């Protein structure tokens, strides 16, 4: 039994980070998921992923509007 692994929580991966940001944009997160994300994900990574997600959302909106109008 490795004592180091028992003390350190598992770090979240890239897909967990993207999933957390995606569901947070919709505002539908369970409390257990929120607490799990807070324990496993780094705040700086969440902020960066949120900013990138917001920019992608705006770009997609602009592309859709230009396609409909044009």
C-alpha atoms as a PDB file:
ATOM      1  CA  UNK A   1       0.000   0.000   0.000  1.00  0.00           C
ATOM      2  CA  UNK A   2       1.419   3.341  -1.038  1.00  0.00           C
ATOM      3  CA  UNK A   3       0.836   6.022   1.608  1.00  0.00           C
ATOM      4  CA  UNK A   4       1.616   8.898  -0.786  1.00  0.00           C
ATOM      5  CA  UNK A   5      -1.261   8.003  -3.117  1.00  0.00           C
ATOM      6  CA  UNK A   6      -3.724   7.717  -0.224  1.00  0.00           C
ATOM      7  CA  UNK A   7      -2.996  11.244   0.989  1.00  0.00           C
ATOM      8  CA  UNK A   8      -2.979  13.073  -2.346  1.00  0.00           C
ATOM      9  CA  UNK A   9      -6.280  13.482  -4.227  1.00  0.00           C
ATOM     10  CA  UNK A  10      -6.394  12.467  -7.866  1.00  0.00           C
ATOM     11  CA  UNK A  11      -5.772  15.378 -10.170  1.00  0.00           C
ATOM     12  CA  UNK A  12      -8.378  16.059 -12.809  1.00  0.00           C
ATOM     13  CA  UNK A  13      -7.588  15.593 -16.437  1.00  0.00           C
ATOM     14  CA  UNK A  14      -8.205  17.768 -19.448  1.00  0.00           C
ATOM     15  CA  UNK A  15     -11.576  16.174 -20.230  1.00  0.00           C
ATOM     16  CA  UNK A  16     -12.768  16.703 -16.661  1.00  0.00           C
ATOM     17  CA  UNK A  17     -11.767  20.358 -16.948  1.00  0.00           C
ATOM     18  CA  UNK A  18     -13.631  20.815 -20.236  1.00  0.00           C
ATOM     19  CA  UNK A  19     -16.690  19.026 -18.837  1.00  0.00           C
ATOM     20  CA  UNK A  20     -16.713  21.241 -15.739  1.00  0.00           C
ATOM     21  CA  UNK A  21     -16.502  24.432 -17.793  1.00  0.00           C
ATOM     22  CA  UNK A  22     -19.110  23.213 -20.315  1.00  0.00           C
ATOM     23  CA  UNK A  23     -21.707  22.405 -17.662  1.00  0.00           C
ATOM     24  CA  UNK A  24     -20.915  25.573 -15.739  1.00  0.00           C
ATOM     25  CA  UNK A  25     -21.816  27.653 -18.791  1.00  0.00           C
ATOM     26  CA  UNK A  26     -25.314  26.177 -18.572  1.00  0.00           C
ATOM     27  CA  UNK A  27     -25.459  26.593 -14.805  1.00  0.00           C
ATOM     28  CA  UNK A  28     -26.442  22.992 -14.139  1.00  0.00           C
ATOM     29  CA  UNK A  29     -23.896  21.476 -11.775  1.00  0.00           C
ATOM     30  CA  UNK A  30     -24.618  19.131  -8.916  1.00  0.00           C
ATOM     31  CA  UNK A  31     -23.117  20.113  -5.583  1.00  0.00           C
ATOM     32  CA  UNK A  32     -21.129  16.866  -5.411  1.00  0.00           C
ATOM     33  CA  UNK A  33     -19.609  17.565  -8.844  1.00  0.00           C
ATOM     34  CA  UNK A  34     -18.758  21.115  -7.842  1.00  0.00           C
ATOM     35  CA  UNK A  35     -17.001  19.957  -4.683  1.00  0.00           C
ATOM     36  CA  UNK A  36     -15.159  17.249  -6.622  1.00  0.00           C
ATOM     37  CA  UNK A  37     -13.980  19.790  -9.194  1.00  0.00           C
ATOM     38  CA  UNK A  38     -12.877  22.206  -6.483  1.00  0.00           C
ATOM     39  CA  UNK A  39     -10.749  19.489  -4.906  1.00  0.00           C
ATOM     40  CA  UNK A  40      -9.212  18.143  -8.115  1.00  0.00           C
ATOM     41  CA  UNK A  41      -8.920  20.993 -10.623  1.00  0.00           C
ATOM     42  CA  UNK A  42      -6.581  23.959 -10.409  1.00  0.00           C
ATOM     43  CA  UNK A  43      -8.283  27.382 -10.317  1.00  0.00           C
ATOM     44  CA  UNK A  44      -5.922  28.887 -12.883  1.00  0.00           C
ATOM     45  CA  UNK A  45      -6.741  26.093 -15.339  1.00  0.00           C
ATOM     46  CA  UNK A  46     -10.476  26.638 -14.773  1.00  0.00           C
ATOM     47  CA  UNK A  47     -10.163  30.362 -15.435  1.00  0.00           C
ATOM     48  CA  UNK A  48      -8.156  29.802 -18.611  1.00  0.00           C
ATOM     49  CA  UNK A  49     -10.604  27.167 -19.864  1.00  0.00           C
ATOM     50  CA  UNK A  50     -13.526  29.474 -19.070  1.00  0.00           C
ATOM     51  CA  UNK A  51     -12.010  32.359 -21.031  1.00  0.00           C
ATOM     52  CA  UNK A  52     -11.215  30.083 -23.982  1.00  0.00           C
ATOM     53  CA  UNK A  53     -14.745  28.644 -23.832  1.00  0.00           C
ATOM     54  CA  UNK A  54     -16.277  32.127 -23.823  1.00  0.00           C
ATOM     55  CA  UNK A  55     -14.169  33.183 -26.834  1.00  0.00           C
ATOM     56  CA  UNK A  56     -15.168  30.032 -28.727  1.00  0.00           C
ATOM     57  CA  UNK A  57     -18.825  30.658 -27.896  1.00  0.00           C
ATOM     58  CA  UNK A  58     -18.631  34.215 -29.245  1.00  0.00           C
ATOM     59  CA  UNK A  59     -16.852  33.057 -32.414  1.00  0.00           C
ATOM     60  CA  UNK A  60     -19.511  30.399 -33.023  1.00  0.00           C
ATOM     61  CA  UNK A  61     -22.260  32.983 -32.526  1.00  0.00           C
ATOM     62  CA  UNK A  62     -20.605  35.360 -34.988  1.00  0.00           C
ATOM     63  CA  UNK A  63     -20.232  32.606 -37.588  1.00  0.00           C
ATOM     64  CA  UNK A  64     -23.873  31.587 -37.227  1.00  0.00           C
ATOM     65  CA  UNK A  65     -25.110  35.191 -37.474  1.00  0.00           C
ATOM     66  CA  UNK A  66     -23.001  35.840 -40.579  1.00  0.00           C
ATOM     67  CA  UNK A  67     -24.265  32.626 -42.188  1.00  0.00           C
ATOM     68  CA  UNK A  68     -27.905  33.536 -41.496  1.00  0.00           C
ATOM     69  CA  UNK A  69     -27.591  37.183 -42.560  1.00  0.00           C
ATOM     70  CA  UNK A  70     -25.344  36.561 -45.556  1.00  0.00           C
END
